[in-house]
Protein backbone atom coordinates (compact mmCIF):
# COMPACT_ATOMS: atom_id res chain seq x y z
CA MET A 1 -14.85 -30.43 -16.50
CA GLN A 2 -13.29 -29.21 -12.85
CA THR A 3 -11.85 -25.79 -11.48
CA LEU A 4 -9.09 -25.23 -10.59
CA SER A 5 -7.10 -21.84 -9.40
CA VAL A 6 -4.09 -21.77 -10.29
CA GLN A 7 -0.55 -19.58 -9.23
CA ILE A 8 1.59 -19.24 -12.12
CA GLU A 9 5.78 -17.31 -11.13
CA ASP A 10 5.77 -14.11 -13.68
CA SER A 11 8.77 -15.59 -15.05
CA TYR A 12 6.58 -19.01 -16.42
CA MET A 13 3.55 -17.05 -17.60
CA GLN A 14 4.20 -16.78 -21.63
CA GLN A 15 5.54 -20.74 -21.97
CA PHE A 16 1.90 -21.16 -19.54
CA MET A 17 0.22 -18.89 -22.15
CA HIS A 18 1.48 -20.83 -25.14
CA PHE A 19 0.60 -24.50 -23.50
CA VAL A 20 -2.96 -23.04 -22.39
CA ASN A 21 -3.59 -21.47 -25.78
CA LYS A 22 -1.84 -24.99 -27.62
CA SER A 23 -5.03 -26.25 -25.58
CA GLN A 24 -7.51 -24.23 -26.19
CA SER A 25 -10.27 -26.92 -26.58
CA LYS A 26 -9.72 -28.81 -23.27
CA VAL A 27 -8.81 -25.60 -21.26
CA ILE A 28 -10.74 -23.01 -20.93
CA VAL A 29 -8.88 -19.66 -18.33
CA THR A 30 -11.40 -17.24 -17.03
CA GLU A 31 -10.28 -14.72 -14.54
CA ASP A 32 -12.48 -14.77 -10.87
CA ASN A 33 -13.90 -11.27 -10.17
CA ASN A 34 -13.89 -12.63 -6.67
CA LEU A 35 -10.14 -12.58 -6.05
CA ALA A 36 -9.46 -9.67 -8.24
CA LEU A 37 -11.82 -7.91 -5.52
CA ASP A 38 -10.09 -9.90 -2.95
CA PRO A 39 -7.57 -12.31 -3.15
CA TYR A 40 -8.04 -14.23 0.18
CA PHE A 41 -11.47 -14.08 -0.51
CA TYR A 42 -12.43 -18.33 -0.62
CA GLU A 43 -9.84 -17.88 2.64
CA ARG A 44 -12.45 -15.43 3.99
CA GLN A 45 -15.38 -16.69 2.44
CA LYS A 46 -14.32 -20.97 4.15
CA GLU A 47 -13.78 -18.92 7.79
CA LEU A 48 -16.92 -17.71 7.75
CA GLN A 49 -18.46 -21.33 6.98
CA GLU A 50 -16.57 -22.54 10.11
CA THR A 51 -17.75 -19.72 11.99
CA ARG A 52 -21.38 -20.12 11.29
CA ILE A 53 -21.58 -24.25 12.01
CA ASP A 54 -19.67 -23.42 15.05
CA ILE A 55 -22.17 -20.91 16.14
CA LYS A 56 -25.15 -23.65 14.97
CA ASN A 57 -23.18 -26.76 17.18
CA GLY A 58 -22.40 -24.15 19.80
CA THR A 59 -18.89 -25.00 20.05
CA MET A 60 -18.75 -20.67 19.98
CA GLU A 61 -20.61 -18.63 21.18
CA MET A 62 -23.10 -15.63 19.69
CA LEU A 63 -23.53 -12.45 21.05
CA SER A 64 -25.95 -10.28 20.94
CA GLU A 65 -25.22 -6.38 20.44
CA GLU A 66 -25.49 -5.33 23.94
CA GLN A 67 -23.30 -8.39 25.25
CA TYR A 68 -20.39 -6.94 23.10
CA GLU A 69 -20.61 -3.74 23.36
CA GLN A 70 -20.03 -4.77 26.97
CA GLU A 71 -17.05 -6.76 25.99
CA ILE A 72 -15.62 -4.05 24.25
CA GLU A 73 -16.16 -1.49 26.69
CA GLN A 74 -14.52 -3.68 29.44
CA PHE A 75 -11.81 -4.33 27.30
CA PHE A 76 -10.45 -1.31 26.59
CA ASN A 77 -11.25 0.16 30.09
CA HIS A 78 -8.41 -2.78 30.50
CA ILE A 79 -6.11 -1.62 29.00
CA GLU A 80 -6.13 1.71 29.77
CA LYS A 81 -5.51 0.57 32.89
């Protein structure tokens, strides 16, 4: 069995659910709690995984807390001028 994410136009929902109900032995519909809380959950998850890979392979630098604070302070000083 495979899992898919499906977006259905509101106007087609009744027809889609009719199809699903007729296909109960072959199709299972469940709500994804992650998407209920955050519609972009999987996009954010993928982006985070890519960022972690970039940090591990050295194509992106991860700043320490001190470096981050310095960078932010410099940024705000720059935009205040």
